[in-house]
Protein backbone atom coordinates (compact mmCIF):
# COMPACT_ATOMS: atom_id res chain seq x y z
CA MET A 1 -32.80 -35.16 -31.45
CA ARG A 2 -34.33 -31.72 -31.08
CA ARG A 3 -36.61 -30.98 -28.18
CA PHE A 4 -39.73 -28.89 -28.31
CA GLY A 5 -40.25 -26.07 -25.86
CA GLN A 6 -38.40 -22.86 -25.15
CA PRO A 7 -35.45 -22.07 -27.43
CA PRO A 8 -32.02 -22.33 -25.80
CA SER A 9 -31.08 -19.22 -23.83
CA ALA A 10 -27.92 -17.16 -24.16
CA ASP A 11 -26.66 -18.87 -20.98
CA GLU A 12 -27.18 -22.31 -22.54
CA ILE A 13 -25.34 -21.28 -25.71
CA GLU A 14 -22.51 -19.92 -23.58
CA ALA A 15 -22.33 -23.18 -21.60
CA ILE A 16 -22.03 -25.15 -24.86
CA ALA A 17 -19.32 -22.75 -26.07
CA ARG A 18 -17.36 -22.97 -22.82
CA SER A 19 -17.54 -26.76 -22.97
CA THR A 20 -16.06 -26.56 -26.47
CA LEU A 21 -13.28 -24.25 -25.24
CA GLU A 22 -12.40 -26.76 -22.52
CA ARG A 23 -11.93 -29.46 -25.16
CA LEU A 24 -9.56 -27.42 -27.35
CA PRO A 25 -6.18 -29.10 -27.79
CA GLU A 26 -2.93 -27.46 -26.72
CA PRO A 27 -1.53 -24.95 -27.55
CA PHE A 28 -4.91 -23.40 -28.38
CA ALA A 29 -6.51 -23.82 -24.95
CA ARG A 30 -3.54 -22.30 -23.13
CA SER A 31 -3.44 -19.23 -25.40
CA LEU A 32 -7.08 -18.19 -25.02
CA GLY A 33 -6.86 -17.03 -21.41
CA ASP A 34 -7.51 -13.34 -22.08
CA VAL A 35 -10.15 -13.76 -24.79
CA VAL A 36 -13.62 -12.73 -23.63
CA LEU A 37 -16.57 -14.85 -24.77
CA LEU A 38 -19.87 -12.99 -25.20
CA VAL A 39 -23.28 -14.22 -26.35
CA HIS A 40 -25.62 -11.56 -27.74
CA GLU A 41 -28.96 -11.86 -29.47
CA PHE A 42 -27.67 -10.21 -32.67
CA ALA A 43 -24.61 -8.30 -33.82
CA GLU A 44 -24.78 -4.56 -33.23
CA ASP A 45 -25.81 -2.45 -36.21
CA SER A 46 -22.34 -0.86 -36.29
CA MET A 47 -20.70 -4.32 -36.57
CA LEU A 48 -23.01 -5.30 -39.40
CA ALA A 49 -22.45 -2.01 -41.24
CA GLU A 50 -18.66 -2.31 -40.88
CA MET A 51 -18.82 -5.77 -42.45
CA GLY A 52 -21.28 -4.75 -45.16
CA ILE A 53 -23.96 -7.14 -43.89
CA ASP A 54 -27.60 -6.07 -44.22
CA ASP A 55 -29.34 -9.05 -42.63
CA PRO A 56 -28.41 -9.65 -38.96
CA PHE A 57 -29.25 -13.35 -39.39
CA GLU A 58 -26.22 -13.68 -41.69
CA LEU A 59 -23.70 -13.25 -38.86
CA SER A 60 -23.55 -16.00 -36.24
CA GLY A 61 -20.14 -15.24 -34.76
CA LEU A 62 -17.39 -12.64 -34.79
CA TYR A 63 -13.82 -12.37 -33.56
CA GLU A 64 -12.86 -8.83 -32.53
CA GLY A 65 -9.21 -8.19 -31.91
CA ILE A 66 -5.76 -8.51 -33.39
CA PRO A 67 -4.85 -12.07 -34.41
CA LEU A 68 -1.81 -13.47 -32.61
CA THR A 69 0.04 -13.65 -35.94
CA GLU A 70 -0.30 -9.86 -36.40
CA ARG A 71 0.54 -8.60 -32.89
CA SER A 72 3.60 -6.64 -31.90
CA VAL A 73 5.04 -5.42 -28.61
CA GLU A 74 3.93 -1.91 -29.55
CA GLN A 75 0.27 -2.87 -29.14
CA SER A 76 -0.22 -2.37 -25.45
CA GLY A 77 -3.28 -0.91 -23.83
CA THR A 78 -5.68 -2.34 -26.40
CA LEU A 79 -9.08 -3.76 -25.54
CA PRO A 80 -9.19 -7.49 -24.81
CA GLU A 81 -9.82 -9.84 -27.72
CA ARG A 82 -13.49 -10.83 -27.87
CA ILE A 83 -15.42 -13.65 -29.45
CA PHE A 84 -19.08 -12.94 -30.01
CA LEU A 85 -21.68 -15.62 -30.63
CA PHE A 86 -25.03 -14.36 -31.87
CA ARG A 87 -27.85 -16.43 -30.43
CA ARG A 88 -30.70 -15.73 -32.84
CA PRO A 89 -28.72 -16.39 -36.05
CA ILE A 90 -27.32 -19.58 -34.49
CA LEU A 91 -30.80 -20.75 -33.52
CA ASP A 92 -32.12 -19.87 -36.97
CA GLU A 93 -29.40 -21.94 -38.65
CA TRP A 94 -29.94 -24.78 -36.18
CA ALA A 95 -33.70 -24.86 -36.84
CA GLY A 96 -33.13 -25.03 -40.59
CA GLY A 97 -30.35 -27.61 -40.59
CA GLU A 98 -29.35 -31.11 -39.64
CA ASP A 99 -26.65 -30.34 -37.05
CA THR A 100 -27.14 -30.57 -33.32
CA LEU A 101 -27.00 -27.27 -31.48
CA GLU A 102 -23.80 -28.40 -29.77
CA HIS A 103 -22.12 -29.12 -33.09
CA LEU A 104 -23.25 -25.81 -34.61
CA VAL A 105 -22.12 -23.72 -31.63
CA ALA A 106 -18.77 -25.54 -31.62
CA HIS A 107 -18.41 -24.93 -35.37
CA VAL A 108 -19.04 -21.17 -35.04
CA LEU A 109 -16.82 -20.87 -31.97
CA ILE A 110 -13.90 -22.79 -33.49
CA HIS A 111 -14.11 -20.61 -36.59
CA GLU A 112 -13.77 -17.48 -34.43
CA VAL A 113 -10.99 -19.06 -32.32
CA GLY A 114 -9.22 -19.73 -35.62
CA HIS A 115 -9.34 -16.01 -36.44
CA HIS A 116 -7.74 -15.24 -33.06
CA PHE A 117 -4.83 -17.52 -33.98
CA GLY A 118 -4.64 -16.25 -37.59
CA LEU A 119 -5.41 -19.72 -38.98
CA SER A 120 -6.34 -20.38 -42.59
CA ASP A 121 -9.74 -21.87 -43.45
CA ASP A 122 -8.06 -25.24 -44.00
CA ASP A 123 -6.37 -25.07 -40.58
CA ILE A 124 -9.67 -24.08 -38.92
CA HIS A 125 -11.35 -27.05 -40.57
CA ALA A 126 -8.56 -29.37 -39.39
CA LEU A 127 -8.86 -28.04 -35.82
CA GLU A 128 -12.61 -28.65 -35.89
CA GLU A 129 -12.14 -32.18 -37.23
CA SER A 130 -9.57 -32.95 -34.52
CA MET A 131 -12.22 -32.22 -31.87
CA GLU A 132 -14.94 -34.48 -33.24
């Protein structure tokens, strides 16, 4: 049941996301050690432009990096992989939907984790179902 009052903070969204990461099954949990989790209000304008998105409320999460399935030994010295969760779009979707905030944050996070592993949409869906 939704509470009234202040909307969840970026720290609260991050805590929900970290709780989800802790529940990931092996080998996923073990292979996420170097991935950085960040919660921002919105995606940066440059991110939105690169993806061809005009409305910042349309992007609730983003994986930035090279999926494990596409890496090679020649790719050293690159920036760490990052998963972004965008607080305001997540809250907007939560307010307009039926899901709990915890379920929605987990859904967005698992989708981005799936991109890190190079999973198909079907595999991402199966991973999400295995955690329910």
